[in-house]
Amino acid sequence: MSEATSGLQEIIEVPGVNSLEARASAMPTYLGLGPPDLCRLTKIPKSSRKSAEKRRPSYFHYVVGIDVGSASAISGYISNLISRQEGVGFLASSAFKIESGVYCSWDVFHQCDVRVEVRPGGYPAVRAFMVDCDGNTVEEIGRSIWEVR
């Protein structure tokens, strides 16, 4: 039984360091097309019954080459990771399940990070928002953010 998602090279976050905050603070320094996309997964042990007892380790990995043309395409990527983590039927051997996933993609035209958060069983299950270079969160994303120029 493993914390790792099948077929994925993940980096575990060190306690006290948050990959999403580090990415936001580095945004003013981005040049050219910016950094590769980042996907952060928060996992919880399946065996723990009390939510207070659950350690919530976060893992991240870098992504290039997937469709980021809509929130649904990105949520599909995270949903695929969830199924690979948890397995199906007799393959369901993981001791951990993914509680949430956040996908970050730099938008060079709008100079902001477009983020999609997926929370299986949560409300809202999928949330799309932007983080600007000042670290401000913009909840309302217009259609233009998804359009190719």
N, C-alpha and C. Protein backbone atom coordinates (compact mmCIF):
# COMPACT_ATOMS: atom_id res chain seq x y z
N MET A 1 0.85 -1.17 0.00
CA MET A 1 0.00 0.00 0.00
C MET A 1 0.89 1.23 0.00
N SER A 2 0.51 2.19 -0.80
CA SER A 2 1.40 3.32 -1.02
C SER A 2 0.64 4.63 -1.04
N GLU A 3 1.37 5.69 -0.68
CA GLU A 3 0.83 7.03 -0.80
C GLU A 3 0.90 7.52 -2.24
N ALA A 4 1.80 6.94 -3.02
CA ALA A 4 2.06 7.42 -4.38
C ALA A 4 0.93 7.07 -5.33
N THR A 5 0.69 7.96 -6.27
CA THR A 5 -0.27 7.71 -7.33
C THR A 5 0.42 6.89 -8.41
N SER A 6 -0.22 5.86 -8.87
CA SER A 6 0.35 4.93 -9.84
C SER A 6 0.87 5.65 -11.09
N GLY A 7 2.13 5.39 -11.45
CA GLY A 7 2.72 5.92 -12.67
C GLY A 7 3.06 7.39 -12.64
N LEU A 8 3.19 7.98 -11.46
CA LEU A 8 3.41 9.42 -11.35
C LEU A 8 4.60 9.71 -10.43
N GLN A 9 5.48 10.59 -10.88
CA GLN A 9 6.61 11.03 -10.05
C GLN A 9 6.15 12.22 -9.22
N GLU A 10 5.87 11.99 -7.95
CA GLU A 10 5.36 13.05 -7.09
C GLU A 10 6.44 13.55 -6.13
N ILE A 11 6.34 14.81 -5.78
CA ILE A 11 7.23 15.43 -4.81
C ILE A 11 6.37 15.74 -3.58
N ILE A 12 6.79 15.27 -2.42
CA ILE A 12 6.02 15.54 -1.20
C ILE A 12 6.39 16.92 -0.68
N GLU A 13 5.37 17.65 -0.26
CA GLU A 13 5.62 18.97 0.32
C GLU A 13 6.21 18.82 1.71
N VAL A 14 7.20 19.63 1.99
CA VAL A 14 7.82 19.66 3.31
C VAL A 14 6.89 20.45 4.23
N PRO A 15 6.67 19.99 5.47
CA PRO A 15 5.82 20.76 6.38
C PRO A 15 6.29 22.22 6.48
N GLY A 16 5.35 23.13 6.39
CA GLY A 16 5.66 24.55 6.46
C GLY A 16 5.93 25.19 5.11
N VAL A 17 5.99 24.38 4.05
CA VAL A 17 6.20 24.90 2.70
C VAL A 17 4.98 24.52 1.87
N ASN A 18 4.40 25.49 1.20
CA ASN A 18 3.20 25.27 0.40
C ASN A 18 3.52 25.59 -1.06
N SER A 19 3.42 24.60 -1.92
CA SER A 19 3.78 24.78 -3.33
C SER A 19 2.92 25.84 -4.02
N LEU A 20 1.65 25.96 -3.63
CA LEU A 20 0.77 26.95 -4.25
C LEU A 20 1.17 28.37 -3.84
N GLU A 21 1.52 28.55 -2.57
CA GLU A 21 1.97 29.86 -2.12
C GLU A 21 3.31 30.23 -2.74
N ALA A 22 4.21 29.24 -2.85
CA ALA A 22 5.52 29.50 -3.46
C ALA A 22 5.35 29.90 -4.92
N ARG A 23 4.44 29.23 -5.62
CA ARG A 23 4.18 29.57 -7.02
C ARG A 23 3.63 30.99 -7.13
N ALA A 24 2.69 31.34 -6.26
CA ALA A 24 2.09 32.68 -6.30
C ALA A 24 3.14 33.76 -6.02
N SER A 25 4.02 33.51 -5.08
CA SER A 25 5.03 34.54 -4.77
C SER A 25 6.07 34.68 -5.87
N ALA A 26 6.26 33.65 -6.69
CA ALA A 26 7.23 33.70 -7.78
C ALA A 26 6.65 34.30 -9.06
N MET A 27 5.34 34.46 -9.14
CA MET A 27 4.70 34.92 -10.38
C MET A 27 5.26 36.21 -10.96
N PRO A 28 5.58 37.22 -10.17
CA PRO A 28 6.11 38.45 -10.77
C PRO A 28 7.44 38.26 -11.51
N THR A 29 8.12 37.17 -11.26
CA THR A 29 9.42 36.93 -11.89
C THR A 29 9.34 36.07 -13.15
N TYR A 30 8.14 35.60 -13.50
CA TYR A 30 8.01 34.71 -14.66
C TYR A 30 8.37 35.43 -15.95
N LEU A 31 9.13 34.77 -16.78
CA LEU A 31 9.54 35.30 -18.08
C LEU A 31 9.03 34.37 -19.18
N GLY A 32 8.90 34.90 -20.38
CA GLY A 32 8.49 34.08 -21.52
C GLY A 32 7.15 33.43 -21.30
N LEU A 33 7.08 32.14 -21.55
CA LEU A 33 5.83 31.41 -21.40
C LEU A 33 5.55 31.01 -19.96
N GLY A 34 6.49 31.26 -19.07
CA GLY A 34 6.29 30.93 -17.66
C GLY A 34 6.67 29.50 -17.35
N PRO A 35 6.35 29.05 -16.14
CA PRO A 35 6.75 27.72 -15.70
C PRO A 35 5.82 26.64 -16.24
N PRO A 36 6.22 25.37 -16.08
CA PRO A 36 5.28 24.30 -16.43
C PRO A 36 4.09 24.34 -15.48
N ASP A 37 3.01 23.70 -15.87
CA ASP A 37 1.84 23.62 -15.01
C ASP A 37 2.18 22.82 -13.76
N LEU A 38 1.47 23.10 -12.69
CA LEU A 38 1.69 22.41 -11.42
C LEU A 38 0.38 21.78 -10.98
N CYS A 39 0.44 20.55 -10.50
CA CYS A 39 -0.73 19.88 -9.97
C CYS A 39 -0.41 19.45 -8.54
N ARG A 40 -1.22 19.89 -7.60
CA ARG A 40 -1.02 19.57 -6.18
C ARG A 40 -2.17 18.71 -5.70
N LEU A 41 -1.84 17.58 -5.07
CA LEU A 41 -2.83 16.65 -4.56
C LEU A 41 -2.71 16.55 -3.04
N THR A 42 -3.83 16.67 -2.35
CA THR A 42 -3.86 16.47 -0.90
C THR A 42 -4.50 15.12 -0.64
N LYS A 43 -3.79 14.29 0.13
CA LYS A 43 -4.24 12.91 0.37
C LYS A 43 -4.48 12.68 1.85
N ILE A 44 -5.42 11.78 2.13
CA ILE A 44 -5.70 11.39 3.51
C ILE A 44 -5.69 9.87 3.61
N PRO A 45 -5.29 9.35 4.77
CA PRO A 45 -5.33 7.89 4.96
C PRO A 45 -6.77 7.41 4.97
N LYS A 46 -7.01 6.28 4.33
CA LYS A 46 -8.36 5.71 4.31
C LYS A 46 -8.75 5.13 5.67
N SER A 47 -7.76 4.68 6.44
CA SER A 47 -8.05 3.96 7.68
C SER A 47 -8.44 4.85 8.84
N SER A 48 -8.07 6.11 8.83
CA SER A 48 -8.35 7.00 9.95
C SER A 48 -9.83 7.36 9.98
N ARG A 49 -10.46 7.22 11.15
CA ARG A 49 -11.89 7.48 11.27
C ARG A 49 -12.20 8.93 11.65
N LYS A 50 -11.42 9.50 12.51
CA LYS A 50 -11.67 10.88 12.94
C LYS A 50 -10.91 11.83 12.03
N SER A 51 -11.60 12.85 11.53
CA SER A 51 -10.96 13.79 10.62
C SER A 51 -9.82 14.54 11.30
N ALA A 52 -9.88 14.75 12.61
CA ALA A 52 -8.81 15.45 13.31
C ALA A 52 -7.52 14.63 13.32
N GLU A 53 -7.65 13.30 13.26
CA GLU A 53 -6.49 12.42 13.28
C GLU A 53 -5.81 12.33 11.92
N LYS A 54 -6.49 12.72 10.91
CA LYS A 54 -5.99 12.51 9.55
C LYS A 54 -4.85 13.46 9.22
N ARG A 55 -3.72 12.89 8.89
CA ARG A 55 -2.60 13.67 8.39
C ARG A 55 -2.92 13.97 6.94
N ARG A 56 -2.71 15.19 6.51
CA ARG A 56 -3.06 15.57 5.14
C ARG A 56 -1.80 15.95 4.37
N PRO A 57 -1.04 14.94 3.97
CA PRO A 57 0.15 15.27 3.18
C PRO A 57 -0.24 15.77 1.80
N SER A 58 0.53 16.70 1.29
CA SER A 58 0.30 17.20 -0.07
C SER A 58 1.49 16.82 -0.94
N TYR A 59 1.17 16.50 -2.15
CA TYR A 59 2.17 16.09 -3.14
C TYR A 59 1.95 16.95 -4.37
N PHE A 60 3.02 17.23 -5.09
CA PHE A 60 2.85 17.97 -6.33
C PHE A 60 3.72 17.38 -7.41
N HIS A 61 3.34 17.67 -8.64
CA HIS A 61 4.12 17.28 -9.81
C HIS A 61 3.91 18.33 -10.88
N TYR A 62 4.82 18.34 -11.82
CA TYR A 62 4.75 19.29 -12.93
C TYR A 62 4.16 18.59 -14.15
N VAL A 63 3.44 19.36 -14.95
CA VAL A 63 2.71 18.80 -16.08
C VAL A 63 2.94 19.68 -17.31
N VAL A 64 3.15 19.05 -18.45
CA VAL A 64 3.19 19.76 -19.73
C VAL A 64 2.41 18.93 -20.75
N GLY A 65 1.77 19.61 -21.67
CA GLY A 65 1.16 18.93 -22.81
C GLY A 65 -0.25 18.42 -22.66
N ILE A 66 -0.95 18.76 -21.58
CA ILE A 66 -2.35 18.31 -21.50
C ILE A 66 -3.27 19.46 -21.92
N ASP A 67 -4.50 19.12 -22.24
CA ASP A 67 -5.50 20.10 -22.65
C ASP A 67 -5.91 20.95 -21.45
N VAL A 68 -5.66 22.25 -21.53
CA VAL A 68 -6.09 23.16 -20.47
C VAL A 68 -7.07 24.19 -21.04
N GLY A 69 -7.85 23.76 -22.03
CA GLY A 69 -8.78 24.65 -22.71
C GLY A 69 -10.09 24.87 -21.99
N SER A 70 -10.31 24.17 -20.87
CA SER A 70 -11.54 24.35 -20.10
C SER A 70 -11.34 23.77 -18.71
N ALA A 71 -12.18 24.21 -17.79
CA ALA A 71 -12.13 23.66 -16.43
C ALA A 71 -12.49 22.19 -16.44
N SER A 72 -13.39 21.78 -17.34
CA SER A 72 -13.79 20.37 -17.37
C SER A 72 -12.65 19.48 -17.88
N ALA A 73 -11.84 19.97 -18.82
CA ALA A 73 -10.70 19.19 -19.30
C ALA A 73 -9.68 19.00 -18.18
N ILE A 74 -9.45 20.05 -17.41
CA ILE A 74 -8.50 19.96 -16.30
C ILE A 74 -9.05 19.07 -15.19
N SER A 75 -10.34 19.19 -14.89
CA SER A 75 -10.92 18.34 -13.85
C SER A 75 -10.89 16.88 -14.28
N GLY A 76 -10.97 16.63 -15.59
CA GLY A 76 -10.83 15.26 -16.09
C GLY A 76 -9.46 14.69 -15.81
N TYR A 77 -8.42 15.51 -15.93
CA TYR A 77 -7.05 15.08 -15.61
C TYR A 77 -6.95 14.69 -14.13
N ILE A 78 -7.48 15.55 -13.26
CA ILE A 78 -7.43 15.27 -11.82
C ILE A 78 -8.28 14.04 -11.48
N SER A 79 -9.43 13.90 -12.10
CA SER A 79 -10.27 12.73 -11.87
C SER A 79 -9.55 11.44 -12.25
N ASN A 80 -8.78 11.50 -13.34
CA ASN A 80 -7.98 10.35 -13.75
C ASN A 80 -6.95 10.02 -12.67
N LEU A 81 -6.32 11.03 -12.10
CA LEU A 81 -5.35 10.80 -11.02
C LEU A 81 -6.02 10.17 -9.80
N ILE A 82 -7.23 10.62 -9.50
CA ILE A 82 -7.96 10.07 -8.36
C ILE A 82 -8.23 8.58 -8.57
N SER A 83 -8.66 8.21 -9.77
CA SER A 83 -8.93 6.79 -10.03
C SER A 83 -7.64 5.97 -10.01
N ARG A 84 -6.53 6.54 -10.46
CA ARG A 84 -5.25 5.83 -10.41
C ARG A 84 -4.75 5.68 -8.98
N GLN A 85 -5.05 6.63 -8.12
CA GLN A 85 -4.64 6.56 -6.72
C GLN A 85 -5.44 5.50 -5.98
N GLU A 86 -6.74 5.51 -6.18
CA GLU A 86 -7.61 4.66 -5.38
C GLU A 86 -7.82 3.28 -5.97
N GLY A 87 -7.63 3.13 -7.27
CA GLY A 87 -7.82 1.83 -7.88
C GLY A 87 -9.29 1.45 -7.93
N VAL A 88 -9.55 0.31 -8.55
CA VAL A 88 -10.92 -0.18 -8.69
C VAL A 88 -10.94 -1.66 -8.34
N GLY A 89 -11.97 -2.08 -7.62
CA GLY A 89 -12.12 -3.50 -7.30
C GLY A 89 -10.92 -4.06 -6.55
N PHE A 90 -10.41 -5.19 -7.03
CA PHE A 90 -9.28 -5.83 -6.35
C PHE A 90 -7.99 -5.03 -6.48
N LEU A 91 -7.97 -4.02 -7.35
CA LEU A 91 -6.80 -3.16 -7.49
C LEU A 91 -6.78 -2.03 -6.46
N ALA A 92 -7.84 -1.92 -5.69
CA ALA A 92 -7.95 -0.83 -4.72
C ALA A 92 -7.08 -1.12 -3.50
N SER A 93 -5.77 -1.03 -3.68
CA SER A 93 -4.85 -1.39 -2.61
C SER A 93 -4.23 -0.18 -1.91
N SER A 94 -4.51 1.01 -2.36
CA SER A 94 -3.90 2.19 -1.77
C SER A 94 -4.47 2.47 -0.38
N ALA A 95 -3.60 2.85 0.54
CA ALA A 95 -4.02 3.21 1.89
C ALA A 95 -4.46 4.66 1.96
N PHE A 96 -4.29 5.40 0.87
CA PHE A 96 -4.62 6.82 0.84
C PHE A 96 -5.64 7.11 -0.24
N LYS A 97 -6.41 8.16 -0.03
CA LYS A 97 -7.29 8.65 -1.08
C LYS A 97 -7.03 10.14 -1.26
N ILE A 98 -7.31 10.63 -2.45
CA ILE A 98 -7.10 12.04 -2.75
C ILE A 98 -8.31 12.83 -2.26
N GLU A 99 -8.04 13.76 -1.36
CA GLU A 99 -9.09 14.61 -0.80
C GLU A 99 -9.39 15.79 -1.72
N SER A 100 -8.33 16.34 -2.34
CA SER A 100 -8.52 17.46 -3.27
C SER A 100 -7.32 17.56 -4.20
N GLY A 101 -7.55 18.21 -5.32
CA GLY A 101 -6.48 18.47 -6.27
C GLY A 101 -6.61 19.88 -6.81
N VAL A 102 -5.47 20.56 -6.98
CA VAL A 102 -5.46 21.90 -7.56
C VAL A 102 -4.49 21.89 -8.72
N TYR A 103 -4.97 22.32 -9.88
CA TYR A 103 -4.14 22.39 -11.08
C TYR A 103 -3.89 23.86 -11.39
N CYS A 104 -2.63 24.23 -11.59
CA CYS A 104 -2.25 25.62 -11.86
C CYS A 104 -1.62 25.73 -13.24
N SER A 105 -2.10 26.66 -14.05
CA SER A 105 -1.56 26.88 -15.39
C SER A 105 -1.35 28.38 -15.59
N TRP A 106 -0.13 28.77 -15.95
CA TRP A 106 0.20 30.17 -16.17
C TRP A 106 -0.41 30.65 -17.48
N ASP A 107 -1.16 31.75 -17.43
CA ASP A 107 -1.74 32.36 -18.62
C ASP A 107 -0.88 33.57 -18.98
N VAL A 108 -0.05 33.41 -20.00
CA VAL A 108 0.90 34.45 -20.38
C VAL A 108 0.18 35.71 -20.89
N PHE A 109 -1.00 35.56 -21.49
CA PHE A 109 -1.72 36.70 -22.04
C PHE A 109 -2.34 37.57 -20.94
N HIS A 110 -2.88 36.95 -19.92
CA HIS A 110 -3.51 37.69 -18.82
C HIS A 110 -2.57 37.88 -17.64
N GLN A 111 -1.37 37.33 -17.72
CA GLN A 111 -0.37 37.42 -16.65
C GLN A 111 -0.96 37.01 -15.30
N CYS A 112 -1.55 35.81 -15.29
CA CYS A 112 -2.13 35.28 -14.06
C CYS A 112 -2.05 33.76 -14.09
N ASP A 113 -2.25 33.16 -12.94
CA ASP A 113 -2.30 31.72 -12.82
C ASP A 113 -3.77 31.32 -12.87
N VAL A 114 -4.15 30.47 -13.79
CA VAL A 114 -5.51 29.94 -13.83
C VAL A 114 -5.48 28.64 -13.05
N ARG A 115 -6.35 28.53 -12.08
CA ARG A 115 -6.35 27.35 -11.21
C ARG A 115 -7.71 26.67 -11.23
N VAL A 116 -7.67 25.35 -11.19
CA VAL A 116 -8.89 24.55 -11.10
C VAL A 116 -8.72 23.63 -9.90
N GLU A 117 -9.68 23.73 -8.98
CA GLU A 117 -9.66 22.88 -7.78
C GLU A 117 -10.76 21.85 -7.90
N VAL A 118 -10.42 20.60 -7.63
CA VAL A 118 -11.38 19.50 -7.67
C VAL A 118 -11.45 18.88 -6.28
N ARG A 119 -12.66 18.78 -5.74
CA ARG A 119 -12.89 18.15 -4.44
C ARG A 119 -13.94 17.06 -4.62
N PRO A 120 -13.50 15.80 -4.74
CA PRO A 120 -14.48 14.72 -4.90
C PRO A 120 -15.45 14.70 -3.72
N GLY A 121 -16.72 14.76 -4.02
CA GLY A 121 -17.74 14.73 -2.98
C GLY A 121 -17.92 16.06 -2.26
N GLY A 122 -17.19 17.09 -2.66
CA GLY A 122 -17.29 18.39 -2.01
C GLY A 122 -18.21 19.32 -2.77
N TYR A 123 -18.43 20.50 -2.21
CA TYR A 123 -19.24 21.49 -2.90
C TYR A 123 -18.50 22.81 -2.89
N PRO A 124 -18.25 23.45 -3.98
CA PRO A 124 -18.49 22.89 -5.32
C PRO A 124 -17.43 21.83 -5.62
N ALA A 125 -17.81 20.87 -6.42
CA ALA A 125 -16.88 19.79 -6.76
C ALA A 125 -15.74 20.30 -7.62
N VAL A 126 -16.03 21.26 -8.50
CA VAL A 126 -15.00 21.87 -9.35
C VAL A 126 -15.11 23.38 -9.22
N ARG A 127 -13.98 24.02 -8.96
CA ARG A 127 -13.94 25.47 -8.80
C ARG A 127 -12.80 26.01 -9.65
N ALA A 128 -13.10 26.95 -10.54
CA ALA A 128 -12.07 27.59 -11.37
C ALA A 128 -11.92 29.04 -10.92
N PHE A 129 -10.67 29.48 -10.80
CA PHE A 129 -10.39 30.85 -10.37
C PHE A 129 -9.01 31.26 -10.87
N MET A 130 -8.69 32.53 -10.71
CA MET A 130 -7.38 33.05 -11.12
C MET A 130 -6.67 33.62 -9.90
N VAL A 131 -5.34 33.60 -9.97
CA VAL A 131 -4.51 34.29 -8.98
C VAL A 131 -3.62 35.24 -9.77
N ASP A 132 -3.72 36.54 -9.47
CA ASP A 132 -2.92 37.51 -10.22
C ASP A 132 -1.52 37.64 -9.63
N CYS A 133 -0.69 38.46 -10.25
CA CYS A 133 0.71 38.62 -9.83
C CYS A 133 0.86 39.23 -8.44
N ASP A 134 -0.21 39.85 -7.93
CA ASP A 134 -0.17 40.41 -6.58
C ASP A 134 -0.66 39.42 -5.54
N GLY A 135 -1.03 38.22 -5.99
CA GLY A 135 -1.52 37.19 -5.07
C GLY A 135 -3.00 37.26 -4.79
N ASN A 136 -3.71 38.14 -5.50
CA ASN A 136 -5.16 38.28 -5.32
C ASN A 136 -5.90 37.17 -6.06
N THR A 137 -6.92 36.64 -5.41
CA THR A 137 -7.75 35.60 -6.03
C THR A 137 -8.94 36.25 -6.71
N VAL A 138 -9.17 35.89 -7.96
CA VAL A 138 -10.31 36.38 -8.74
C VAL A 138 -11.21 35.19 -9.01
N GLU A 139 -12.38 35.19 -8.39
CA GLU A 139 -13.29 34.04 -8.49
C GLU A 139 -14.03 33.98 -9.83
N GLU A 140 -14.36 35.12 -10.38
CA GLU A 140 -15.13 35.15 -11.63
C GLU A 140 -14.19 35.09 -12.82
N ILE A 141 -14.25 34.01 -13.56
CA ILE A 141 -13.42 33.85 -14.75
C ILE A 141 -14.32 33.98 -15.97
N GLY A 142 -13.98 34.90 -16.85
CA GLY A 142 -14.74 35.06 -18.09
C GLY A 142 -14.36 34.01 -19.11
N ARG A 143 -15.15 33.90 -20.15
CA ARG A 143 -14.89 32.91 -21.20
C ARG A 143 -13.57 33.18 -21.92
N SER A 144 -13.15 34.44 -21.94
CA SER A 144 -11.94 34.80 -22.67
C SER A 144 -10.69 34.12 -22.11
N ILE A 145 -10.72 33.76 -20.85
CA ILE A 145 -9.54 33.13 -20.24
C ILE A 145 -9.28 31.75 -20.86
N TRP A 146 -10.32 31.10 -21.36
CA TRP A 146 -10.18 29.76 -21.92
C TRP A 146 -9.96 29.78 -23.43
N GLU A 147 -10.14 30.94 -24.06
CA GLU A 147 -10.03 31.01 -25.52
C GLU A 147 -8.58 31.14 -25.96
N VAL A 148 -8.25 30.47 -27.04
CA VAL A 148 -6.91 30.55 -27.62
C VAL A 148 -6.85 31.82 -28.45
N ARG A 149 -5.78 32.53 -28.32
CA ARG A 149 -5.61 33.78 -29.07
C ARG A 149 -4.91 33.51 -30.37
